[in-house]
Amino acid sequence: MADHAPRPPAQPEARAPLSEAEEAAGRILFAAECRFAAAAGERARIPPGAAPEIAFAGRSNVGKSSLLNALTGRHALARVSVTPGRTRELIFFDLGGRLMLVDMPGYGYAKAPKTLAREWQGLMLAYLRGRPNLRRVLLLLDARLAPKPADEAVMAILDGAAVTFQLVLTKADALGQAPLAARIEALTRVARAHTAAHPDVLATSSRTGTGIAALRAELAPLAA
């Protein structure tokens, strides 16, 4: 008699440890001078794309600016605000002429005026569509929280725009090892349900440096 009991979901494959070459490539890339290049609060001010770009997206206060500062080893490259919704522009940072890092406005801030929220969404869509040099969007999620409807909506937008995105957890130091592993496993399943999602979910902490070397190594092959 056949066994029709449901099978448990497949477990995500463990990431291979970083090789010395991969870690060195990421370290060298992000040791380059990183400087402010441009700011765009409206479509007409979005600069033409030249160097490969990595965009950082996420809910307001998820830690985009802190992660940018941690990756580049600068304390104040990107302004960190305690006020959600403060960043209202696309901010472009030139990393040694090899990679452009783009800090996108946060989304999902309930207290933002509806008209402003619509402007943010319009700006984000204008940037995402038809940007051939955009190599990847890092979609940041707070490790302590399950994805919100706004996060799912952004994943759907990225699917529709055919823009590769990768889920990156922030504030990973707030969770123990087992809860963090469970969160990564759950989000790996979420990623597999989206056509534009990168299969690997990375966990980082700007405070402790956890995962920073791995994320640098992940992005290094995308640079010019």
N, C-alpha and C. Protein backbone atom coordinates (compact mmCIF):
# COMPACT_ATOMS: atom_id res chain seq x y z
N MET A 1 0.85 -1.19 0.00
CA MET A 1 0.00 0.00 0.00
C MET A 1 0.89 1.24 0.00
N ALA A 2 0.59 2.18 -0.90
CA ALA A 2 1.42 3.37 -1.02
C ALA A 2 1.26 4.26 0.19
N ASP A 3 2.32 4.91 0.56
CA ASP A 3 2.30 5.85 1.68
C ASP A 3 1.95 7.24 1.16
N HIS A 4 0.75 7.72 1.53
CA HIS A 4 0.29 9.02 1.04
C HIS A 4 0.45 10.10 2.10
N ALA A 5 1.21 9.86 3.13
CA ALA A 5 1.42 10.87 4.16
C ALA A 5 2.18 12.05 3.56
N PRO A 6 1.81 13.29 3.93
CA PRO A 6 2.50 14.45 3.37
C PRO A 6 3.97 14.47 3.75
N ARG A 7 4.79 14.86 2.78
CA ARG A 7 6.21 14.93 3.04
C ARG A 7 6.59 16.31 3.58
N PRO A 8 7.58 16.36 4.44
CA PRO A 8 8.01 17.66 4.94
C PRO A 8 8.63 18.48 3.81
N PRO A 9 8.56 19.83 3.90
CA PRO A 9 9.15 20.66 2.85
C PRO A 9 10.65 20.45 2.77
N ALA A 10 11.17 20.59 1.56
CA ALA A 10 12.61 20.43 1.37
C ALA A 10 13.36 21.50 2.14
N GLN A 11 14.48 21.13 2.73
CA GLN A 11 15.28 22.08 3.48
C GLN A 11 16.20 22.84 2.53
N PRO A 12 16.36 24.15 2.76
CA PRO A 12 17.28 24.88 1.89
C PRO A 12 18.70 24.40 2.06
N GLU A 13 19.45 24.39 0.96
CA GLU A 13 20.84 23.95 1.02
C GLU A 13 21.68 24.96 1.80
N ALA A 14 22.60 24.48 2.60
CA ALA A 14 23.45 25.36 3.38
C ALA A 14 24.40 26.10 2.44
N ARG A 15 24.64 27.37 2.74
CA ARG A 15 25.57 28.15 1.94
C ARG A 15 26.99 27.67 2.20
N ALA A 16 27.76 27.58 1.15
CA ALA A 16 29.16 27.19 1.31
C ALA A 16 29.91 28.31 2.02
N PRO A 17 30.88 27.97 2.86
CA PRO A 17 31.66 29.01 3.53
C PRO A 17 32.38 29.88 2.50
N LEU A 18 32.60 31.14 2.86
CA LEU A 18 33.32 32.04 1.96
C LEU A 18 34.74 31.55 1.74
N SER A 19 35.19 31.58 0.51
CA SER A 19 36.58 31.28 0.24
C SER A 19 37.40 32.53 0.54
N GLU A 20 38.70 32.37 0.68
CA GLU A 20 39.58 33.52 0.93
C GLU A 20 39.52 34.50 -0.24
N ALA A 21 39.43 33.97 -1.45
CA ALA A 21 39.39 34.84 -2.63
C ALA A 21 38.10 35.66 -2.66
N GLU A 22 36.98 35.02 -2.33
CA GLU A 22 35.70 35.73 -2.32
C GLU A 22 35.69 36.82 -1.26
N GLU A 23 36.17 36.49 -0.08
CA GLU A 23 36.20 37.47 1.00
C GLU A 23 37.13 38.63 0.65
N ALA A 24 38.27 38.32 0.03
CA ALA A 24 39.22 39.36 -0.35
C ALA A 24 38.63 40.28 -1.42
N ALA A 25 37.92 39.71 -2.39
CA ALA A 25 37.32 40.51 -3.45
C ALA A 25 36.30 41.50 -2.87
N GLY A 26 35.50 41.03 -1.94
CA GLY A 26 34.53 41.91 -1.31
C GLY A 26 35.18 42.98 -0.47
N ARG A 27 36.21 42.59 0.27
CA ARG A 27 36.92 43.56 1.13
C ARG A 27 37.59 44.64 0.30
N ILE A 28 38.24 44.24 -0.79
CA ILE A 28 38.93 45.21 -1.64
C ILE A 28 37.94 46.17 -2.30
N LEU A 29 36.84 45.63 -2.80
CA LEU A 29 35.84 46.48 -3.44
C LEU A 29 35.33 47.55 -2.49
N PHE A 30 34.95 47.15 -1.28
CA PHE A 30 34.32 48.10 -0.36
C PHE A 30 35.33 48.92 0.43
N ALA A 31 36.62 48.67 0.21
CA ALA A 31 37.64 49.53 0.80
C ALA A 31 37.91 50.75 -0.08
N ALA A 32 37.36 50.76 -1.29
CA ALA A 32 37.55 51.89 -2.20
C ALA A 32 36.83 53.12 -1.67
N GLU A 33 37.24 54.27 -2.17
CA GLU A 33 36.58 55.52 -1.78
C GLU A 33 35.11 55.47 -2.19
N CYS A 34 34.24 55.84 -1.28
CA CYS A 34 32.81 55.89 -1.57
C CYS A 34 32.33 57.30 -1.29
N ARG A 35 31.70 57.90 -2.29
CA ARG A 35 31.31 59.30 -2.14
C ARG A 35 29.90 59.52 -2.67
N PHE A 36 29.27 60.55 -2.13
CA PHE A 36 27.95 60.95 -2.62
C PHE A 36 28.06 61.35 -4.09
N ALA A 37 27.13 60.87 -4.91
CA ALA A 37 27.17 61.17 -6.34
C ALA A 37 25.97 61.99 -6.81
N ALA A 38 24.77 61.67 -6.31
CA ALA A 38 23.58 62.38 -6.78
C ALA A 38 22.41 62.08 -5.86
N ALA A 39 21.39 62.93 -5.95
CA ALA A 39 20.14 62.71 -5.24
C ALA A 39 19.00 63.05 -6.19
N ALA A 40 17.96 62.23 -6.16
CA ALA A 40 16.84 62.45 -7.08
C ALA A 40 15.53 62.29 -6.31
N GLY A 41 14.77 63.38 -6.23
CA GLY A 41 13.48 63.34 -5.58
C GLY A 41 12.33 63.30 -6.56
N GLU A 42 12.67 63.32 -7.85
CA GLU A 42 11.65 63.24 -8.90
C GLU A 42 12.26 62.54 -10.11
N ARG A 43 11.41 62.05 -10.99
CA ARG A 43 11.87 61.23 -12.12
C ARG A 43 12.90 61.95 -12.99
N ALA A 44 12.65 63.22 -13.24
CA ALA A 44 13.52 63.95 -14.16
C ALA A 44 14.94 64.09 -13.63
N ARG A 45 15.13 63.91 -12.33
CA ARG A 45 16.45 64.10 -11.73
C ARG A 45 17.21 62.79 -11.54
N ILE A 46 16.62 61.67 -11.93
CA ILE A 46 17.33 60.39 -11.84
C ILE A 46 18.49 60.42 -12.82
N PRO A 47 19.73 60.25 -12.37
CA PRO A 47 20.88 60.36 -13.28
C PRO A 47 20.92 59.19 -14.26
N PRO A 48 21.55 59.41 -15.43
CA PRO A 48 21.68 58.29 -16.37
C PRO A 48 22.55 57.20 -15.78
N GLY A 49 22.22 55.96 -16.07
CA GLY A 49 22.96 54.84 -15.52
C GLY A 49 24.23 54.57 -16.30
N ALA A 50 25.32 54.36 -15.59
CA ALA A 50 26.59 54.04 -16.24
C ALA A 50 27.20 52.82 -15.56
N ALA A 51 27.72 53.00 -14.35
CA ALA A 51 28.29 51.89 -13.60
C ALA A 51 27.19 50.94 -13.14
N PRO A 52 27.53 49.68 -12.87
CA PRO A 52 26.55 48.75 -12.30
C PRO A 52 25.99 49.31 -10.99
N GLU A 53 24.71 49.07 -10.75
CA GLU A 53 24.06 49.62 -9.56
C GLU A 53 23.47 48.51 -8.68
N ILE A 54 23.57 48.72 -7.38
CA ILE A 54 22.91 47.89 -6.38
C ILE A 54 22.01 48.81 -5.57
N ALA A 55 20.72 48.52 -5.54
CA ALA A 55 19.78 49.37 -4.82
C ALA A 55 19.39 48.71 -3.49
N PHE A 56 19.21 49.54 -2.48
CA PHE A 56 18.84 49.09 -1.15
C PHE A 56 17.41 49.55 -0.88
N ALA A 57 16.50 48.59 -0.73
CA ALA A 57 15.10 48.90 -0.50
C ALA A 57 14.65 48.28 0.81
N GLY A 58 13.58 48.82 1.38
CA GLY A 58 13.06 48.25 2.61
C GLY A 58 12.10 49.21 3.30
N ARG A 59 11.42 48.69 4.29
CA ARG A 59 10.50 49.52 5.06
C ARG A 59 11.26 50.63 5.79
N SER A 60 10.56 51.69 6.09
CA SER A 60 11.17 52.78 6.84
C SER A 60 11.74 52.26 8.15
N ASN A 61 12.97 52.68 8.45
CA ASN A 61 13.67 52.30 9.69
C ASN A 61 14.11 50.84 9.73
N VAL A 62 14.20 50.17 8.58
CA VAL A 62 14.66 48.78 8.59
C VAL A 62 16.18 48.71 8.75
N GLY A 63 16.86 49.82 8.46
CA GLY A 63 18.31 49.83 8.64
C GLY A 63 19.11 49.95 7.36
N LYS A 64 18.52 50.55 6.31
CA LYS A 64 19.24 50.68 5.04
C LYS A 64 20.50 51.51 5.20
N SER A 65 20.37 52.68 5.81
CA SER A 65 21.52 53.57 5.95
C SER A 65 22.60 52.94 6.83
N SER A 66 22.19 52.29 7.89
CA SER A 66 23.17 51.63 8.77
C SER A 66 23.93 50.54 8.02
N LEU A 67 23.22 49.79 7.17
CA LEU A 67 23.88 48.73 6.42
C LEU A 67 24.85 49.31 5.40
N LEU A 68 24.45 50.38 4.73
CA LEU A 68 25.35 51.03 3.79
C LEU A 68 26.63 51.50 4.49
N ASN A 69 26.47 52.09 5.66
CA ASN A 69 27.64 52.56 6.41
C ASN A 69 28.53 51.39 6.83
N ALA A 70 27.91 50.28 7.24
CA ALA A 70 28.69 49.11 7.67
C ALA A 70 29.43 48.48 6.49
N LEU A 71 28.79 48.39 5.34
CA LEU A 71 29.42 47.79 4.16
C LEU A 71 30.64 48.59 3.72
N THR A 72 30.52 49.91 3.74
CA THR A 72 31.61 50.76 3.25
C THR A 72 32.61 51.13 4.34
N GLY A 73 32.32 50.74 5.59
CA GLY A 73 33.24 51.07 6.68
C GLY A 73 33.24 52.54 7.04
N ARG A 74 32.19 53.25 6.64
CA ARG A 74 32.06 54.67 6.98
C ARG A 74 30.99 54.83 8.06
N HIS A 75 31.18 55.81 8.93
CA HIS A 75 30.21 56.01 10.00
C HIS A 75 29.07 56.93 9.59
N ALA A 76 29.30 57.74 8.57
CA ALA A 76 28.28 58.73 8.23
C ALA A 76 28.14 58.91 6.73
N LEU A 77 28.41 57.85 5.95
CA LEU A 77 28.20 57.96 4.51
C LEU A 77 26.73 58.23 4.23
N ALA A 78 25.88 57.37 4.76
CA ALA A 78 24.44 57.54 4.63
C ALA A 78 23.89 58.01 5.97
N ARG A 79 23.04 59.00 5.92
CA ARG A 79 22.50 59.57 7.15
C ARG A 79 21.51 58.61 7.79
N VAL A 80 21.72 58.32 9.05
CA VAL A 80 20.83 57.44 9.80
C VAL A 80 19.86 58.31 10.58
N SER A 81 18.58 58.07 10.37
CA SER A 81 17.56 58.88 11.03
C SER A 81 16.70 58.01 11.93
N VAL A 82 16.33 58.54 13.07
CA VAL A 82 15.42 57.82 13.96
C VAL A 82 13.98 58.12 13.60
N THR A 83 13.77 59.02 12.65
CA THR A 83 12.43 59.38 12.22
C THR A 83 12.06 58.62 10.96
N PRO A 84 11.10 57.66 11.05
CA PRO A 84 10.72 56.90 9.86
C PRO A 84 10.22 57.81 8.75
N GLY A 85 10.56 57.47 7.51
CA GLY A 85 10.08 58.23 6.38
C GLY A 85 10.88 59.47 6.08
N ARG A 86 12.04 59.66 6.72
CA ARG A 86 12.82 60.87 6.52
C ARG A 86 13.46 60.91 5.13
N THR A 87 13.98 59.77 4.66
CA THR A 87 14.60 59.73 3.34
C THR A 87 13.51 59.75 2.26
N ARG A 88 13.53 60.78 1.43
CA ARG A 88 12.49 60.94 0.42
C ARG A 88 13.06 60.98 -0.99
N GLU A 89 14.33 60.68 -1.14
CA GLU A 89 14.97 60.73 -2.44
C GLU A 89 15.74 59.44 -2.69
N LEU A 90 16.05 59.20 -3.95
CA LEU A 90 17.03 58.19 -4.31
C LEU A 90 18.40 58.82 -4.12
N ILE A 91 19.23 58.20 -3.28
CA ILE A 91 20.56 58.74 -3.01
C ILE A 91 21.58 57.80 -3.65
N PHE A 92 22.45 58.34 -4.50
CA PHE A 92 23.44 57.55 -5.24
C PHE A 92 24.82 57.78 -4.64
N PHE A 93 25.52 56.66 -4.35
CA PHE A 93 26.89 56.72 -3.83
C PHE A 93 27.80 55.95 -4.79
N ASP A 94 28.88 56.61 -5.20
CA ASP A 94 29.83 56.03 -6.14
C ASP A 94 30.92 55.30 -5.36
N LEU A 95 31.02 53.98 -5.56
CA LEU A 95 32.02 53.17 -4.87
C LEU A 95 33.20 52.92 -5.81
N GLY A 96 34.18 53.78 -5.74
CA GLY A 96 35.41 53.61 -6.52
C GLY A 96 35.23 53.55 -8.01
N GLY A 97 34.13 54.07 -8.53
CA GLY A 97 33.88 54.01 -9.96
C GLY A 97 33.49 52.64 -10.47
N ARG A 98 33.38 51.67 -9.57
CA ARG A 98 33.08 50.29 -9.97
C ARG A 98 31.65 49.88 -9.69
N LEU A 99 31.01 50.56 -8.74
CA LEU A 99 29.67 50.17 -8.33
C LEU A 99 28.96 51.40 -7.78
N MET A 100 27.69 51.55 -8.14
CA MET A 100 26.87 52.62 -7.59
C MET A 100 25.91 52.01 -6.58
N LEU A 101 25.93 52.53 -5.36
CA LEU A 101 25.03 52.07 -4.31
C LEU A 101 23.88 53.06 -4.20
N VAL A 102 22.66 52.58 -4.27
CA VAL A 102 21.49 53.45 -4.32
C VAL A 102 20.61 53.22 -3.11
N ASP A 103 20.50 54.24 -2.28
CA ASP A 103 19.64 54.19 -1.09
C ASP A 103 18.25 54.67 -1.50
N MET A 104 17.28 53.75 -1.51
CA MET A 104 15.93 54.08 -1.94
C MET A 104 15.09 54.57 -0.77
N PRO A 105 14.09 55.40 -1.02
CA PRO A 105 13.20 55.84 0.06
C PRO A 105 12.52 54.65 0.71
N GLY A 106 12.36 54.71 2.03
CA GLY A 106 11.64 53.65 2.73
C GLY A 106 10.17 53.65 2.37
N TYR A 107 9.55 52.51 2.53
CA TYR A 107 8.12 52.40 2.24
C TYR A 107 7.39 51.86 3.46
N GLY A 108 6.06 51.92 3.41
CA GLY A 108 5.25 51.32 4.47
C GLY A 108 5.15 52.12 5.73
N TYR A 109 5.54 53.41 5.69
CA TYR A 109 5.44 54.22 6.90
C TYR A 109 4.02 54.77 6.99
N ALA A 110 3.25 54.30 7.95
CA ALA A 110 1.82 54.61 8.03
C ALA A 110 1.53 56.09 8.19
N LYS A 111 2.43 56.84 8.84
CA LYS A 111 2.14 58.24 9.12
C LYS A 111 2.50 59.17 7.97
N ALA A 112 3.12 58.62 6.92
CA ALA A 112 3.46 59.47 5.78
C ALA A 112 2.18 59.89 5.07
N PRO A 113 2.08 61.15 4.65
CA PRO A 113 0.89 61.58 3.91
C PRO A 113 0.68 60.73 2.68
N LYS A 114 -0.57 60.46 2.35
CA LYS A 114 -0.86 59.56 1.23
C LYS A 114 -0.30 60.09 -0.08
N THR A 115 -0.37 61.40 -0.28
CA THR A 115 0.16 61.96 -1.53
C THR A 115 1.67 61.74 -1.62
N LEU A 116 2.36 61.89 -0.49
CA LEU A 116 3.80 61.68 -0.48
C LEU A 116 4.12 60.22 -0.72
N ALA A 117 3.34 59.31 -0.11
CA ALA A 117 3.55 57.88 -0.31
C ALA A 117 3.40 57.52 -1.79
N ARG A 118 2.42 58.12 -2.46
CA ARG A 118 2.23 57.85 -3.89
C ARG A 118 3.42 58.37 -4.70
N GLU A 119 3.96 59.52 -4.30
CA GLU A 119 5.14 60.06 -4.98
C GLU A 119 6.32 59.10 -4.83
N TRP A 120 6.51 58.55 -3.63
CA TRP A 120 7.61 57.62 -3.40
C TRP A 120 7.48 56.41 -4.29
N GLN A 121 6.24 55.87 -4.35
CA GLN A 121 6.04 54.68 -5.17
C GLN A 121 6.30 54.99 -6.64
N GLY A 122 5.83 56.15 -7.10
CA GLY A 122 6.05 56.53 -8.49
C GLY A 122 7.53 56.69 -8.79
N LEU A 123 8.27 57.27 -7.84
CA LEU A 123 9.72 57.45 -8.03
C LEU A 123 10.41 56.10 -8.09
N MET A 124 10.02 55.18 -7.20
CA MET A 124 10.63 53.86 -7.18
C MET A 124 10.37 53.12 -8.48
N LEU A 125 9.14 53.17 -8.97
CA LEU A 125 8.81 52.47 -10.21
C LEU A 125 9.55 53.08 -11.40
N ALA A 126 9.65 54.42 -11.41
CA ALA A 126 10.36 55.08 -12.49
C ALA A 126 11.82 54.66 -12.52
N TYR A 127 12.40 54.47 -11.36
CA TYR A 127 13.80 54.06 -11.29
C TYR A 127 13.97 52.60 -11.70
N LEU A 128 13.10 51.73 -11.24
CA LEU A 128 13.26 50.30 -11.47
C LEU A 128 13.06 49.91 -12.93
N ARG A 129 12.14 50.58 -13.60
CA ARG A 129 11.81 50.19 -14.97
C ARG A 129 12.82 50.76 -15.96
N GLY A 130 13.33 49.89 -16.79
CA GLY A 130 14.24 50.33 -17.83
C GLY A 130 15.58 50.80 -17.33
N ARG A 131 16.11 50.15 -16.28
CA ARG A 131 17.42 50.51 -15.74
C ARG A 131 18.36 49.33 -16.00
N PRO A 132 18.94 49.24 -17.19
CA PRO A 132 19.70 48.04 -17.55
C PRO A 132 20.94 47.82 -16.70
N ASN A 133 21.48 48.87 -16.09
CA ASN A 133 22.68 48.72 -15.27
C ASN A 133 22.36 48.35 -13.82
N LEU A 134 21.07 48.22 -13.49
CA LEU A 134 20.68 47.82 -12.13
C LEU A 134 20.87 46.31 -12.01
N ARG A 135 21.90 45.92 -11.27
CA ARG A 135 22.24 44.51 -11.18
C ARG A 135 21.38 43.76 -10.16
N ARG A 136 21.00 44.44 -9.09
CA ARG A 136 20.23 43.74 -8.05
C ARG A 136 19.64 44.75 -7.08
N VAL A 137 18.49 44.41 -6.55
CA VAL A 137 17.89 45.15 -5.44
C VAL A 137 18.04 44.30 -4.19
N LEU A 138 18.62 44.86 -3.17
CA LEU A 138 18.66 44.19 -1.87
C LEU A 138 17.42 44.63 -1.10
N LEU A 139 16.51 43.70 -0.86
CA LEU A 139 15.29 44.00 -0.14
C LEU A 139 15.50 43.66 1.33
N LEU A 140 15.62 44.68 2.14
CA LEU A 140 15.97 44.50 3.55
C LEU A 140 14.72 44.23 4.38
N LEU A 141 14.83 43.24 5.26
CA LEU A 141 13.75 42.87 6.17
C LEU A 141 14.30 42.80 7.58
N ASP A 142 13.55 43.30 8.54
CA ASP A 142 13.94 43.21 9.94
C ASP A 142 13.86 41.75 10.38
N ALA A 143 14.97 41.21 10.87
CA ALA A 143 15.02 39.79 11.24
C ALA A 143 14.01 39.44 12.32
N ARG A 144 13.59 40.40 13.09
CA ARG A 144 12.68 40.13 14.19
C ARG A 144 11.23 39.99 13.74
N LEU A 145 10.94 40.39 12.50
CA LEU A 145 9.55 40.47 12.04
C LEU A 145 9.33 39.64 10.79
N ALA A 146 8.14 39.06 10.69
CA ALA A 146 7.75 38.39 9.46
C ALA A 146 7.48 39.45 8.39
N PRO A 147 7.60 39.10 7.11
CA PRO A 147 7.32 40.07 6.05
C PRO A 147 5.91 40.65 6.19
N LYS A 148 5.81 41.96 5.97
CA LYS A 148 4.55 42.66 6.03
C LYS A 148 3.90 42.72 4.65
N PRO A 149 2.61 43.05 4.58
CA PRO A 149 1.97 43.18 3.26
C PRO A 149 2.71 44.13 2.32
N ALA A 150 3.29 45.22 2.87
CA ALA A 150 4.04 46.15 2.02
C ALA A 150 5.27 45.47 1.43
N ASP A 151 5.92 44.60 2.21
CA ASP A 151 7.08 43.86 1.69
C ASP A 151 6.65 42.94 0.55
N GLU A 152 5.55 42.24 0.74
CA GLU A 152 5.05 41.35 -0.30
C GLU A 152 4.68 42.13 -1.55
N ALA A 153 4.12 43.33 -1.37
CA ALA A 153 3.75 44.15 -2.52
C ALA A 153 4.98 44.57 -3.30
N VAL A 154 6.06 44.91 -2.60
CA VAL A 154 7.29 45.31 -3.29
C VAL A 154 7.89 44.12 -4.03
N MET A 155 7.85 42.92 -3.43
CA MET A 155 8.34 41.73 -4.13
C MET A 155 7.56 41.51 -5.42
N ALA A 156 6.24 41.73 -5.37
CA ALA A 156 5.42 41.57 -6.57
C ALA A 156 5.79 42.61 -7.63
N ILE A 157 6.08 43.84 -7.20
CA ILE A 157 6.50 44.89 -8.13
C ILE A 157 7.82 44.50 -8.80
N LEU A 158 8.75 43.98 -8.02
CA LEU A 158 10.05 43.58 -8.57
C LEU A 158 9.91 42.40 -9.52
N ASP A 159 9.01 41.46 -9.19
CA ASP A 159 8.72 40.37 -10.11
C ASP A 159 8.22 40.93 -11.44
N GLY A 160 7.26 41.86 -11.34
CA GLY A 160 6.66 42.42 -12.55
C GLY A 160 7.64 43.21 -13.38
N ALA A 161 8.59 43.86 -12.70
CA ALA A 161 9.60 44.65 -13.42
C ALA A 161 10.78 43.79 -13.88
N ALA A 162 10.76 42.51 -13.52
CA ALA A 162 11.84 41.58 -13.87
C ALA A 162 13.19 42.08 -13.36
N VAL A 163 13.19 42.59 -12.14
CA VAL A 163 14.41 43.08 -11.49
C VAL A 163 14.83 42.07 -10.42
N THR A 164 16.01 41.53 -10.54
CA THR A 164 16.49 40.56 -9.56
C THR A 164 16.60 41.21 -8.19
N PHE A 165 16.03 40.55 -7.18
CA PHE A 165 16.15 41.06 -5.82
C PHE A 165 16.59 39.95 -4.89
N GLN A 166 17.24 40.35 -3.80
CA GLN A 166 17.72 39.39 -2.81
C GLN A 166 17.27 39.84 -1.43
N LEU A 167 16.72 38.92 -0.66
CA LEU A 167 16.28 39.23 0.69
C LEU A 167 17.48 39.25 1.63
N VAL A 168 17.60 40.34 2.38
CA VAL A 168 18.70 40.51 3.33
C VAL A 168 18.10 40.90 4.68
N LEU A 169 18.38 40.11 5.69
CA LEU A 169 17.89 40.41 7.03
C LEU A 169 18.81 41.42 7.71
N THR A 170 18.22 42.37 8.38
CA THR A 170 18.98 43.31 9.21
C THR A 170 18.69 43.00 10.68
N LYS A 171 19.53 43.54 11.56
CA LYS A 171 19.33 43.40 13.01
C LYS A 171 19.31 41.93 13.44
N ALA A 172 20.14 41.11 12.75
CA ALA A 172 20.16 39.68 13.02
C ALA A 172 20.66 39.37 14.43
N ASP A 173 21.41 40.30 15.02
CA ASP A 173 21.93 40.07 16.37
C ASP A 173 20.83 40.05 17.42
N ALA A 174 19.62 40.49 17.04
CA ALA A 174 18.51 40.52 17.99
C ALA A 174 17.88 39.14 18.19
N LEU A 175 18.26 38.17 17.34
CA LEU A 175 17.71 36.82 17.44
C LEU A 175 18.79 35.82 17.83
N GLY A 176 18.39 34.77 18.52
CA GLY A 176 19.29 33.67 18.82
C GLY A 176 19.54 32.85 17.57
N GLN A 177 20.47 31.92 17.66
CA GLN A 177 20.87 31.15 16.49
C GLN A 177 19.72 30.34 15.90
N ALA A 178 18.95 29.65 16.76
CA ALA A 178 17.85 28.82 16.27
C ALA A 178 16.73 29.65 15.65
N PRO A 179 16.25 30.72 16.32
CA PRO A 179 15.20 31.54 15.69
C PRO A 179 15.67 32.18 14.38
N LEU A 180 16.93 32.58 14.32
CA LEU A 180 17.44 33.18 13.09
C LEU A 180 17.47 32.15 11.96
N ALA A 181 17.92 30.94 12.26
CA ALA A 181 17.94 29.87 11.25
C ALA A 181 16.52 29.58 10.74
N ALA A 182 15.54 29.59 11.66
CA ALA A 182 14.16 29.34 11.27
C ALA A 182 13.64 30.47 10.38
N ARG A 183 14.02 31.71 10.70
CA ARG A 183 13.59 32.86 9.88
C ARG A 183 14.19 32.77 8.49
N ILE A 184 15.46 32.42 8.40
CA ILE A 184 16.11 32.30 7.09
C ILE A 184 15.45 31.19 6.27
N GLU A 185 15.13 30.08 6.92
CA GLU A 185 14.48 28.97 6.22
C GLU A 185 13.12 29.40 5.69
N ALA A 186 12.35 30.11 6.52
CA ALA A 186 11.02 30.55 6.09
C ALA A 186 11.12 31.53 4.91
N LEU A 187 12.09 32.44 4.98
CA LEU A 187 12.23 33.43 3.91
C LEU A 187 12.81 32.82 2.64
N THR A 188 13.58 31.74 2.78
CA THR A 188 14.05 31.04 1.60
C THR A 188 12.87 30.47 0.82
N ARG A 189 11.87 29.97 1.54
CA ARG A 189 10.66 29.48 0.88
C ARG A 189 9.91 30.64 0.22
N VAL A 190 9.88 31.79 0.88
CA VAL A 190 9.23 32.97 0.29
C VAL A 190 9.95 33.35 -1.01
N ALA A 191 11.28 33.36 -0.98
CA ALA A 191 12.05 33.73 -2.16
C ALA A 191 11.76 32.78 -3.32
N ARG A 192 11.61 31.50 -3.03
CA ARG A 192 11.38 30.52 -4.09
C ARG A 192 10.03 30.73 -4.77
N ALA A 193 9.13 31.45 -4.13
CA ALA A 193 7.80 31.69 -4.70
C ALA A 193 7.79 32.91 -5.63
N HIS A 194 8.93 33.60 -5.75
CA HIS A 194 8.99 34.81 -6.58
C HIS A 194 9.97 34.60 -7.73
N THR A 195 9.52 34.93 -8.92
CA THR A 195 10.32 34.66 -10.12
C THR A 195 11.61 35.48 -10.19
N ALA A 196 11.61 36.67 -9.57
CA ALA A 196 12.79 37.54 -9.68
C ALA A 196 13.72 37.43 -8.48
N ALA A 197 13.37 36.59 -7.51
CA ALA A 197 14.15 36.54 -6.27
C ALA A 197 15.41 35.69 -6.40
N HIS A 198 16.50 36.18 -5.83
CA HIS A 198 17.72 35.40 -5.69
C HIS A 198 17.46 34.32 -4.65
N PRO A 199 17.96 33.11 -4.83
CA PRO A 199 17.61 32.02 -3.91
C PRO A 199 18.21 32.13 -2.52
N ASP A 200 19.32 32.86 -2.36
CA ASP A 200 20.00 32.91 -1.07
C ASP A 200 19.52 34.10 -0.23
N VAL A 201 19.19 33.81 1.02
CA VAL A 201 18.81 34.84 1.98
C VAL A 201 20.00 35.09 2.91
N LEU A 202 20.40 36.33 3.05
CA LEU A 202 21.55 36.67 3.88
C LEU A 202 21.08 37.37 5.16
N ALA A 203 21.78 37.11 6.26
CA ALA A 203 21.48 37.75 7.54
C ALA A 203 22.64 38.64 7.93
N THR A 204 22.34 39.87 8.34
CA THR A 204 23.38 40.83 8.69
C THR A 204 23.04 41.56 9.98
N SER A 205 24.07 42.13 10.56
CA SER A 205 23.90 43.04 11.70
C SER A 205 24.90 44.17 11.53
N SER A 206 24.41 45.37 11.37
CA SER A 206 25.30 46.52 11.25
C SER A 206 26.00 46.81 12.57
N ARG A 207 25.39 46.39 13.67
CA ARG A 207 25.96 46.66 14.99
C ARG A 207 27.14 45.75 15.30
N THR A 208 27.01 44.46 14.99
CA THR A 208 28.07 43.50 15.33
C THR A 208 28.96 43.14 14.14
N GLY A 209 28.52 43.47 12.93
CA GLY A 209 29.29 43.10 11.74
C GLY A 209 28.95 41.73 11.18
N THR A 210 28.01 41.04 11.80
CA THR A 210 27.59 39.73 11.30
C THR A 210 27.11 39.83 9.85
N GLY A 211 27.62 38.97 9.00
CA GLY A 211 27.16 38.88 7.62
C GLY A 211 27.66 39.96 6.69
N ILE A 212 28.41 40.94 7.19
CA ILE A 212 28.86 42.03 6.34
C ILE A 212 29.87 41.52 5.30
N ALA A 213 30.83 40.70 5.72
CA ALA A 213 31.80 40.15 4.77
C ALA A 213 31.11 39.30 3.70
N ALA A 214 30.10 38.52 4.11
CA ALA A 214 29.38 37.68 3.16
C ALA A 214 28.63 38.52 2.14
N LEU A 215 28.03 39.62 2.58
CA LEU A 215 27.29 40.47 1.65
C LEU A 215 28.26 41.19 0.71
N ARG A 216 29.38 41.65 1.22
CA ARG A 216 30.39 42.25 0.33
C ARG A 216 30.83 41.27 -0.75
N ALA A 217 31.09 40.03 -0.35
CA ALA A 217 31.52 39.00 -1.29
C ALA A 217 30.42 38.69 -2.31
N GLU A 218 29.18 38.75 -1.87
CA GLU A 218 28.04 38.51 -2.76
C GLU A 218 27.96 39.57 -3.86
N LEU A 219 28.29 40.81 -3.50
CA LEU A 219 28.13 41.92 -4.43
C LEU A 219 29.35 42.14 -5.32
N ALA A 220 30.51 41.68 -4.88
CA ALA A 220 31.75 41.93 -5.62
C ALA A 220 31.68 41.48 -7.09
N PRO A 221 31.15 40.30 -7.40
CA PRO A 221 31.11 39.89 -8.81
C PRO A 221 30.22 40.77 -9.69
N LEU A 222 29.36 41.58 -9.08
CA LEU A 222 28.46 42.43 -9.83
C LEU A 222 29.08 43.76 -10.21
N ALA A 223 30.24 44.07 -9.62
CA ALA A 223 30.89 45.35 -9.88
C ALA A 223 31.62 45.36 -11.22
N ALA A 224 31.87 46.56 -11.73
CA ALA A 224 32.60 46.69 -12.99
C ALA A 224 34.05 46.27 -12.78
